PDB file of all heavy atoms in Angstrom:
ATOM      1  N   GLU A   1      10.559  -2.154 -10.628  1.00  0.00           N
ATOM      2  CA  GLU A   1       9.348  -2.919 -10.460  1.00  0.00           C
ATOM      3  C   GLU A   1       8.723  -2.596  -9.074  1.00  0.00           C
ATOM      4  O   GLU A   1       7.592  -3.173  -8.798  1.00  0.00           O
ATOM      5  CB  GLU A   1       9.532  -4.342 -10.597  1.00  0.00           C
ATOM      6  CG  GLU A   1      10.146  -4.784 -12.020  1.00  0.00           C
ATOM      7  CD  GLU A   1      10.384  -6.231 -12.075  1.00  0.00           C
ATOM      8  OE1 GLU A   1       9.410  -6.998 -12.093  1.00  0.00           O
ATOM      9  OE2 GLU A   1      11.578  -6.701 -12.271  1.00  0.00           O
ATOM     10  N   PHE A   2       9.274  -1.730  -8.340  1.00  0.00           N
ATOM     11  CA  PHE A   2       8.806  -1.405  -6.943  1.00  0.00           C
ATOM     12  C   PHE A   2       8.368   0.069  -6.804  1.00  0.00           C
ATOM     13  O   PHE A   2       8.789   0.890  -7.524  1.00  0.00           O
ATOM     14  CB  PHE A   2      10.010  -1.702  -5.910  1.00  0.00           C
ATOM     15  CG  PHE A   2      10.333  -3.126  -5.814  1.00  0.00           C
ATOM     16  CD1 PHE A   2      11.345  -3.573  -6.615  1.00  0.00           C
ATOM     17  CD2 PHE A   2       9.724  -4.012  -5.025  1.00  0.00           C
ATOM     18  CE1 PHE A   2      11.766  -4.911  -6.595  1.00  0.00           C
ATOM     19  CE2 PHE A   2      10.083  -5.326  -4.967  1.00  0.00           C
ATOM     20  CZ  PHE A   2      11.150  -5.780  -5.755  1.00  0.00           C
ATOM     21  N   SER A   3       7.542   0.298  -5.802  1.00  0.00           N
ATOM     22  CA  SER A   3       7.082   1.646  -5.489  1.00  0.00           C
ATOM     23  C   SER A   3       8.216   2.167  -4.611  1.00  0.00           C
ATOM     24  O   SER A   3       9.220   1.569  -4.320  1.00  0.00           O
ATOM     25  CB  SER A   3       5.854   1.575  -4.714  1.00  0.00           C
ATOM     26  OG  SER A   3       6.064   0.995  -3.453  1.00  0.00           O
ATOM     27  N   GLY A   4       8.058   3.599  -4.364  1.00  0.00           N
ATOM     28  CA  GLY A   4       9.171   4.302  -3.558  1.00  0.00           C
ATOM     29  C   GLY A   4       9.246   3.630  -2.196  1.00  0.00           C
ATOM     30  O   GLY A   4      10.463   3.465  -1.686  1.00  0.00           O
ATOM     31  N   GLY A   5       8.185   3.386  -1.499  1.00  0.00           N
ATOM     32  CA  GLY A   5       8.214   2.761  -0.171  1.00  0.00           C
ATOM     33  C   GLY A   5       8.836   1.364  -0.146  1.00  0.00           C
ATOM     34  O   GLY A   5       9.617   1.023   0.663  1.00  0.00           O
ATOM     35  N   GLN A   6       8.648   0.568  -1.259  1.00  0.00           N
ATOM     36  CA  GLN A   6       9.161  -0.672  -1.316  1.00  0.00           C
ATOM     37  C   GLN A   6      10.646  -0.642  -1.680  1.00  0.00           C
ATOM     38  O   GLN A   6      11.440  -1.417  -1.172  1.00  0.00           O
ATOM     39  CB  GLN A   6       8.451  -1.501  -2.437  1.00  0.00           C
ATOM     40  CG  GLN A   6       7.054  -1.948  -2.160  1.00  0.00           C
ATOM     41  CD  GLN A   6       6.317  -2.553  -3.264  1.00  0.00           C
ATOM     42  OE1 GLN A   6       6.582  -2.177  -4.427  1.00  0.00           O
ATOM     43  NE2 GLN A   6       5.462  -3.592  -3.081  1.00  0.00           N
ATOM     44  N   ARG A   7      11.108   0.391  -2.443  1.00  0.00           N
ATOM     45  CA  ARG A   7      12.546   0.544  -2.739  1.00  0.00           C
ATOM     46  C   ARG A   7      13.281   0.808  -1.481  1.00  0.00           C
ATOM     47  O   ARG A   7      14.422   0.386  -1.165  1.00  0.00           O
ATOM     48  CB  ARG A   7      12.783   1.632  -3.699  1.00  0.00           C
ATOM     49  CG  ARG A   7      12.248   1.321  -5.105  1.00  0.00           C
ATOM     50  CD  ARG A   7      12.710   2.333  -6.116  1.00  0.00           C
ATOM     51  NE  ARG A   7      12.038   2.246  -7.379  1.00  0.00           N
ATOM     52  CZ  ARG A   7      12.442   2.844  -8.458  1.00  0.00           C
ATOM     53  NH1 ARG A   7      13.582   3.580  -8.533  1.00  0.00           N
ATOM     54  NH2 ARG A   7      11.804   2.640  -9.611  1.00  0.00           N
ATOM     55  N   GLN A   8      12.706   1.701  -0.510  1.00  0.00           N
ATOM     56  CA  GLN A   8      13.294   2.094   0.682  1.00  0.00           C
ATOM     57  C   GLN A   8      13.428   0.760   1.612  1.00  0.00           C
ATOM     58  O   GLN A   8      14.323   0.720   2.315  1.00  0.00           O
ATOM     59  CB  GLN A   8      12.592   3.234   1.384  1.00  0.00           C
ATOM     60  CG  GLN A   8      13.422   3.879   2.321  1.00  0.00           C
ATOM     61  CD  GLN A   8      14.677   4.610   1.828  1.00  0.00           C
ATOM     62  OE1 GLN A   8      15.548   4.005   1.343  1.00  0.00           O
ATOM     63  NE2 GLN A   8      14.766   5.930   2.112  1.00  0.00           N
ATOM     64  N   ARG A   9      12.429  -0.087   1.526  1.00  0.00           N
ATOM     65  CA  ARG A   9      12.462  -1.267   2.323  1.00  0.00           C
ATOM     66  C   ARG A   9      13.745  -2.175   1.834  1.00  0.00           C
ATOM     67  O   ARG A   9      14.351  -2.869   2.531  1.00  0.00           O
ATOM     68  CB  ARG A   9      11.188  -2.093   2.147  1.00  0.00           C
ATOM     69  CG  ARG A   9      10.025  -1.456   2.928  1.00  0.00           C
ATOM     70  CD  ARG A   9       8.663  -2.153   2.643  1.00  0.00           C
ATOM     71  NE  ARG A   9       7.615  -1.505   3.355  1.00  0.00           N
ATOM     72  CZ  ARG A   9       7.124  -1.915   4.495  1.00  0.00           C
ATOM     73  NH1 ARG A   9       7.670  -2.985   5.078  1.00  0.00           N
ATOM     74  NH2 ARG A   9       6.138  -1.240   5.079  1.00  0.00           N
ATOM     75  N   VAL A  10      13.885  -2.196   0.458  1.00  0.00           N
ATOM     76  CA  VAL A  10      15.049  -2.926  -0.134  1.00  0.00           C
ATOM     77  C   VAL A  10      16.370  -2.263   0.383  1.00  0.00           C
ATOM     78  O   VAL A  10      17.181  -3.024   0.766  1.00  0.00           O
ATOM     79  CB  VAL A  10      15.013  -2.826  -1.677  1.00  0.00           C
ATOM     80  CG1 VAL A  10      16.285  -3.473  -2.243  1.00  0.00           C
ATOM     81  CG2 VAL A  10      13.800  -3.643  -2.099  1.00  0.00           C
ATOM     82  N   ALA A  11      16.379  -0.923   0.404  1.00  0.00           N
ATOM     83  CA  ALA A  11      17.568  -0.188   0.968  1.00  0.00           C
ATOM     84  C   ALA A  11      17.830  -0.653   2.402  1.00  0.00           C
ATOM     85  O   ALA A  11      19.006  -0.826   2.775  1.00  0.00           O
ATOM     86  CB  ALA A  11      17.453   1.184   0.772  1.00  0.00           C
ATOM     87  N   ILE A  12      16.736  -0.738   3.180  1.00  0.00           N
ATOM     88  CA  ILE A  12      16.845  -1.111   4.582  1.00  0.00           C
ATOM     89  C   ILE A  12      17.417  -2.518   4.680  1.00  0.00           C
ATOM     90  O   ILE A  12      18.206  -2.840   5.598  1.00  0.00           O
ATOM     91  CB  ILE A  12      15.546  -0.825   5.391  1.00  0.00           C
ATOM     92  CG1 ILE A  12      15.228   0.672   5.356  1.00  0.00           C
ATOM     93  CG2 ILE A  12      15.651  -1.386   6.706  1.00  0.00           C
ATOM     94  CD1 ILE A  12      13.921   1.006   5.930  1.00  0.00           C
ATOM     95  N   ALA A  13      16.800  -3.348   3.839  1.00  0.00           N
ATOM     96  CA  ALA A  13      17.212  -4.750   3.873  1.00  0.00           C
ATOM     97  C   ALA A  13      18.747  -4.894   3.606  1.00  0.00           C
ATOM     98  O   ALA A  13      19.499  -5.684   4.197  1.00  0.00           O
ATOM     99  CB  ALA A  13      16.421  -5.583   2.886  1.00  0.00           C
ATOM    100  N   ARG A  14      19.213  -4.082   2.571  1.00  0.00           N
ATOM    101  CA  ARG A  14      20.613  -4.156   2.253  1.00  0.00           C
ATOM    102  C   ARG A  14      21.475  -3.709   3.499  1.00  0.00           C
ATOM    103  O   ARG A  14      22.512  -4.287   3.782  1.00  0.00           O
ATOM    104  CB  ARG A  14      20.911  -3.214   1.110  1.00  0.00           C
ATOM    105  CG  ARG A  14      22.370  -3.097   0.701  1.00  0.00           C
ATOM    106  CD  ARG A  14      22.567  -2.231  -0.480  1.00  0.00           C
ATOM    107  NE  ARG A  14      22.058  -0.873  -0.334  1.00  0.00           N
ATOM    108  CZ  ARG A  14      22.056   0.018  -1.269  1.00  0.00           C
ATOM    109  NH1 ARG A  14      22.510  -0.170  -2.420  1.00  0.00           N
ATOM    110  NH2 ARG A  14      21.504   1.244  -1.033  1.00  0.00           N
ATOM    111  N   ALA A  15      21.058  -2.689   4.210  1.00  0.00           N
ATOM    112  CA  ALA A  15      21.763  -2.237   5.424  1.00  0.00           C
ATOM    113  C   ALA A  15      21.705  -3.248   6.546  1.00  0.00           C
ATOM    114  O   ALA A  15      22.692  -3.349   7.366  1.00  0.00           O
ATOM    115  CB  ALA A  15      21.139  -0.957   5.875  1.00  0.00           C
ATOM    116  N   LEU A  16      20.589  -4.011   6.614  1.00  0.00           N
ATOM    117  CA  LEU A  16      20.365  -4.882   7.679  1.00  0.00           C
ATOM    118  C   LEU A  16      21.060  -6.277   7.534  1.00  0.00           C
ATOM    119  O   LEU A  16      21.240  -6.955   8.488  1.00  0.00           O
ATOM    120  CB  LEU A  16      18.880  -5.118   7.855  1.00  0.00           C
ATOM    121  CG  LEU A  16      18.274  -5.801   9.098  1.00  0.00           C
ATOM    122  CD1 LEU A  16      18.633  -4.879  10.302  1.00  0.00           C
ATOM    123  CD2 LEU A  16      16.863  -6.059   8.955  1.00  0.00           C
ATOM    124  N   ILE A  17      21.473  -6.666   6.305  1.00  0.00           N
ATOM    125  CA  ILE A  17      21.901  -8.017   6.043  1.00  0.00           C
ATOM    126  C   ILE A  17      23.176  -8.411   6.780  1.00  0.00           C
ATOM    127  O   ILE A  17      23.454  -9.506   7.110  1.00  0.00           O
ATOM    128  CB  ILE A  17      22.071  -8.246   4.597  1.00  0.00           C
ATOM    129  CG1 ILE A  17      22.093  -9.736   4.218  1.00  0.00           C
ATOM    130  CG2 ILE A  17      23.336  -7.561   4.014  1.00  0.00           C
ATOM    131  CD1 ILE A  17      21.913 -10.100   2.803  1.00  0.00           C
ATOM    132  N   THR A  18      24.075  -7.446   7.151  1.00  0.00           N
ATOM    133  CA  THR A  18      25.277  -7.804   7.924  1.00  0.00           C
ATOM    134  C   THR A  18      24.971  -7.794   9.446  1.00  0.00           C
ATOM    135  O   THR A  18      25.949  -7.906  10.196  1.00  0.00           O
ATOM    136  CB  THR A  18      26.398  -6.773   7.625  1.00  0.00           C
ATOM    137  OG1 THR A  18      25.984  -5.508   8.045  1.00  0.00           O
ATOM    138  CG2 THR A  18      26.722  -6.813   6.042  1.00  0.00           C
ATOM    139  N   ARG A  19      23.745  -7.606   9.776  1.00  0.00           N
ATOM    140  CA  ARG A  19      23.367  -7.512  11.283  1.00  0.00           C
ATOM    141  C   ARG A  19      24.206  -6.411  11.891  1.00  0.00           C
ATOM    142  O   ARG A  19      24.837  -6.684  12.998  1.00  0.00           O
ATOM    143  CB  ARG A  19      23.547  -8.829  11.920  1.00  0.00           C
ATOM    144  CG  ARG A  19      22.630  -9.970  11.410  1.00  0.00           C
ATOM    145  CD  ARG A  19      21.185  -9.653  11.643  1.00  0.00           C
ATOM    146  NE  ARG A  19      20.384 -10.875  11.340  1.00  0.00           N
ATOM    147  CZ  ARG A  19      19.745 -11.086  10.188  1.00  0.00           C
ATOM    148  NH1 ARG A  19      20.018 -10.309   9.105  1.00  0.00           N
ATOM    149  NH2 ARG A  19      19.026 -12.155   9.952  1.00  0.00           N
ATOM    150  N   PRO A  20      24.122  -5.149  11.425  1.00  0.00           N
ATOM    151  CA  PRO A  20      24.933  -4.123  11.996  1.00  0.00           C
ATOM    152  C   PRO A  20      24.395  -3.669  13.335  1.00  0.00           C
ATOM    153  O   PRO A  20      23.176  -3.847  13.710  1.00  0.00           O
ATOM    154  CB  PRO A  20      24.821  -2.990  11.009  1.00  0.00           C
ATOM    155  CG  PRO A  20      23.434  -3.199  10.390  1.00  0.00           C
ATOM    156  CD  PRO A  20      23.251  -4.692  10.345  1.00  0.00           C
ATOM    157  N   GLN A  21      25.213  -3.073  14.180  1.00  0.00           N
ATOM    158  CA  GLN A  21      24.785  -2.624  15.446  1.00  0.00           C
ATOM    159  C   GLN A  21      24.325  -1.103  15.274  1.00  0.00           C
ATOM    160  O   GLN A  21      23.536  -0.596  16.078  1.00  0.00           O
ATOM    161  CB  GLN A  21      25.875  -2.645  16.484  1.00  0.00           C
ATOM    162  CG  GLN A  21      26.240  -4.048  16.767  1.00  0.00           C
ATOM    163  CD  GLN A  21      27.092  -4.153  17.994  1.00  0.00           C
ATOM    164  OE1 GLN A  21      26.892  -3.481  19.003  1.00  0.00           O
ATOM    165  NE2 GLN A  21      28.165  -4.972  18.004  1.00  0.00           N
ATOM    166  N   LEU A  22      24.824  -0.412  14.212  1.00  0.00           N
ATOM    167  CA  LEU A  22      24.571   0.977  13.988  1.00  0.00           C
ATOM    168  C   LEU A  22      24.098   1.101  12.547  1.00  0.00           C
ATOM    169  O   LEU A  22      24.798   0.715  11.609  1.00  0.00           O
ATOM    170  CB  LEU A  22      25.683   1.868  14.219  1.00  0.00           C
ATOM    171  CG  LEU A  22      25.574   3.411  13.897  1.00  0.00           C
ATOM    172  CD1 LEU A  22      24.535   4.099  14.720  1.00  0.00           C
ATOM    173  CD2 LEU A  22      26.985   4.037  13.931  1.00  0.00           C
ATOM    174  N   ILE A  23      22.986   1.802  12.317  1.00  0.00           N
ATOM    175  CA  ILE A  23      22.531   2.214  10.990  1.00  0.00           C
ATOM    176  C   ILE A  23      22.453   3.724  10.929  1.00  0.00           C
ATOM    177  O   ILE A  23      21.729   4.266  11.766  1.00  0.00           O
ATOM    178  CB  ILE A  23      21.195   1.615  10.530  1.00  0.00           C
ATOM    179  CG1 ILE A  23      21.419   0.077  10.310  1.00  0.00           C
ATOM    180  CG2 ILE A  23      20.662   2.242   9.257  1.00  0.00           C
ATOM    181  CD1 ILE A  23      20.145  -0.619   9.845  1.00  0.00           C
ATOM    182  N   VAL A  24      23.137   4.358   9.984  1.00  0.00           N
ATOM    183  CA  VAL A  24      23.069   5.791   9.792  1.00  0.00           C
ATOM    184  C   VAL A  24      21.965   6.039   8.677  1.00  0.00           C
ATOM    185  O   VAL A  24      22.136   5.526   7.571  1.00  0.00           O
ATOM    186  CB  VAL A  24      24.440   6.472   9.395  1.00  0.00           C
ATOM    187  CG1 VAL A  24      24.270   7.893   9.084  1.00  0.00           C
ATOM    188  CG2 VAL A  24      25.504   6.143  10.502  1.00  0.00           C
ATOM    189  N   ALA A  25      20.895   6.684   9.056  1.00  0.00           N
ATOM    190  CA  ALA A  25      19.835   6.878   8.158  1.00  0.00           C
ATOM    191  C   ALA A  25      19.726   8.396   7.826  1.00  0.00           C
ATOM    192  O   ALA A  25      19.347   9.176   8.633  1.00  0.00           O
ATOM    193  CB  ALA A  25      18.546   6.440   8.705  1.00  0.00           C
ATOM    194  N   ASP A  26      20.072   8.767   6.551  1.00  0.00           N
ATOM    195  CA  ASP A  26      20.101  10.179   6.153  1.00  0.00           C
ATOM    196  C   ASP A  26      18.783  10.475   5.494  1.00  0.00           C
ATOM    197  O   ASP A  26      18.583  10.110   4.297  1.00  0.00           O
ATOM    198  CB  ASP A  26      21.275  10.386   5.184  1.00  0.00           C
ATOM    199  CG  ASP A  26      21.449  11.841   4.870  1.00  0.00           C
ATOM    200  OD1 ASP A  26      20.709  12.659   5.371  1.00  0.00           O
ATOM    201  OD2 ASP A  26      22.362  12.122   4.123  1.00  0.00           O
ATOM    202  N   GLU A  27      17.915  11.107   6.100  1.00  0.00           N
ATOM    203  CA  GLU A  27      16.616  11.569   5.559  1.00  0.00           C
ATOM    204  C   GLU A  27      15.865  10.323   4.888  1.00  0.00           C
ATOM    205  O   GLU A  27      15.562  10.295   3.768  1.00  0.00           O
ATOM    206  CB  GLU A  27      16.726  12.636   4.532  1.00  0.00           C
ATOM    207  CG  GLU A  27      17.393  13.923   5.123  1.00  0.00           C
ATOM    208  CD  GLU A  27      16.342  14.813   5.714  1.00  0.00           C
ATOM    209  OE1 GLU A  27      15.204  14.369   6.054  1.00  0.00           O
ATOM    210  OE2 GLU A  27      16.699  15.974   6.068  1.00  0.00           O
ATOM    211  N   PRO A  28      15.624   9.225   5.636  1.00  0.00           N
ATOM    212  CA  PRO A  28      15.225   8.018   5.017  1.00  0.00           C
ATOM    213  C   PRO A  28      13.841   8.049   4.539  1.00  0.00           C
ATOM    214  O   PRO A  28      13.453   7.147   3.759  1.00  0.00           O
ATOM    215  CB  PRO A  28      15.360   6.921   6.193  1.00  0.00           C
ATOM    216  CG  PRO A  28      15.187   7.747   7.346  1.00  0.00           C
ATOM    217  CD  PRO A  28      15.897   9.121   7.076  1.00  0.00           C
ATOM    218  N   VAL A  29      12.956   8.982   4.961  1.00  0.00           N
ATOM    219  CA  VAL A  29      11.597   8.982   4.501  1.00  0.00           C
ATOM    220  C   VAL A  29      11.149  10.305   3.856  1.00  0.00           C
ATOM    221  O   VAL A  29      10.057  10.450   3.429  1.00  0.00           O
ATOM    222  CB  VAL A  29      10.663   8.716   5.694  1.00  0.00           C
ATOM    223  CG1 VAL A  29      10.871   7.372   6.308  1.00  0.00           C
ATOM    224  CG2 VAL A  29      10.718   9.896   6.717  1.00  0.00           C
ATOM    225  N   SER A  30      12.136  11.248   3.561  1.00  0.00           N
ATOM    226  CA  SER A  30      11.720  12.555   3.112  1.00  0.00           C
ATOM    227  C   SER A  30      11.282  12.427   1.685  1.00  0.00           C
ATOM    228  O   SER A  30      10.542  13.344   1.191  1.00  0.00           O
ATOM    229  CB  SER A  30      12.877  13.472   3.257  1.00  0.00           C
ATOM    230  OG  SER A  30      14.040  13.097   2.532  1.00  0.00           O
ATOM    231  N   ALA A  31      11.789  11.474   0.888  1.00  0.00           N
ATOM    232  CA  ALA A  31      11.332  11.371  -0.495  1.00  0.00           C
ATOM    233  C   ALA A  31      10.092  10.551  -0.719  1.00  0.00           C
ATOM    234  O   ALA A  31       9.608  10.350  -1.845  1.00  0.00           O
ATOM    235  CB  ALA A  31      12.466  10.747  -1.330  1.00  0.00           C
ATOM    236  N   LEU A  32       9.417  10.138   0.319  1.00  0.00           N
ATOM    237  CA  LEU A  32       8.316   9.272   0.317  1.00  0.00           C
ATOM    238  C   LEU A  32       7.020  10.038   0.637  1.00  0.00           C
ATOM    239  O   LEU A  32       7.007  11.035   1.304  1.00  0.00           O
ATOM    240  CB  LEU A  32       8.461   8.126   1.236  1.00  0.00           C
ATOM    241  CG  LEU A  32       9.704   7.261   1.165  1.00  0.00           C
ATOM    242  CD1 LEU A  32       9.707   6.196   2.236  1.00  0.00           C
ATOM    243  CD2 LEU A  32       9.794   6.606  -0.180  1.00  0.00           C
ATOM    244  N   ASP A  33       5.831   9.570   0.054  1.00  0.00           N
ATOM    245  CA  ASP A  33       4.563  10.100   0.475  1.00  0.00           C
ATOM    246  C   ASP A  33       4.372   9.970   1.966  1.00  0.00           C
ATOM    247  O   ASP A  33       4.920   9.027   2.633  1.00  0.00           O
ATOM    248  CB  ASP A  33       3.450   9.390  -0.319  1.00  0.00           C
ATOM    249  CG  ASP A  33       3.484   9.665  -1.790  1.00  0.00           C
ATOM    250  OD1 ASP A  33       4.155  10.640  -2.237  1.00  0.00           O
ATOM    251  OD2 ASP A  33       2.963   8.812  -2.520  1.00  0.00           O
ATOM    252  N   VAL A  34       3.458  10.850   2.550  1.00  0.00           N
ATOM    253  CA  VAL A  34       3.215  10.896   3.986  1.00  0.00           C
ATOM    254  C   VAL A  34       2.746   9.494   4.449  1.00  0.00           C
ATOM    255  O   VAL A  34       3.153   9.004   5.445  1.00  0.00           O
ATOM    256  CB  VAL A  34       2.245  12.005   4.331  1.00  0.00           C
ATOM    257  CG1 VAL A  34       1.986  11.972   5.812  1.00  0.00           C
ATOM    258  CG2 VAL A  34       2.978  13.285   3.991  1.00  0.00           C
ATOM    259  N   SER A  35       1.811   8.984   3.677  1.00  0.00           N
ATOM    260  CA  SER A  35       1.234   7.615   4.092  1.00  0.00           C
ATOM    261  C   SER A  35       2.291   6.578   4.183  1.00  0.00           C
ATOM    262  O   SER A  35       2.243   5.664   5.026  1.00  0.00           O
ATOM    263  CB  SER A  35       0.109   7.261   3.194  1.00  0.00           C
ATOM    264  OG  SER A  35       0.529   7.156   1.856  1.00  0.00           O
TER     265      SER A  35
END
Protein backbone atom coordinates (compact mmCIF):
# COMPACT_ATOMS: atom_id res chain seq x y z
CA GLU A 1 0.00 0.00 0.00
CA PHE A 2 3.07 2.27 0.01
CA SER A 3 5.32 3.84 -2.61
CA GLY A 4 9.01 2.95 -2.82
CA GLY A 5 10.06 6.00 -0.82
CA GLN A 6 7.48 5.29 1.86
CA ARG A 7 8.63 1.67 2.11
CA GLN A 8 12.18 2.83 2.71
CA ARG A 9 10.86 5.11 5.45
CA VAL A 10 9.24 2.04 7.02
CA ALA A 11 12.58 0.23 6.80
CA ILE A 12 14.32 3.17 8.48
CA ALA A 13 11.65 3.22 11.19
CA ARG A 14 12.28 -0.49 11.84
CA ALA A 15 16.01 0.20 12.20
CA LEU A 16 15.36 3.20 14.45
CA ILE A 17 12.95 1.64 16.93
CA THR A 18 15.64 0.20 19.23
CA ARG A 19 17.33 3.63 19.34
CA PRO A 20 20.60 2.25 17.89
CA GLN A 21 23.84 4.19 17.94
CA LEU A 22 24.94 2.75 14.57
CA ILE A 23 22.88 2.13 11.43
CA VAL A 24 24.52 0.31 8.52
CA ALA A 25 22.78 1.54 5.36
CA ASP A 26 23.55 -0.56 2.27
CA GLU A 27 22.67 1.51 -0.84
CA PRO A 28 19.57 2.88 0.93
CA VAL A 29 18.43 5.14 -1.94
CA SER A 30 19.75 3.44 -5.08
CA ALA A 31 16.40 1.74 -5.85
CA LEU A 32 14.45 5.00 -5.54
CA ASP A 33 13.62 7.75 -8.02
CA VAL A 34 15.98 10.73 -7.89
CA SER A 35 13.30 13.03 -6.46
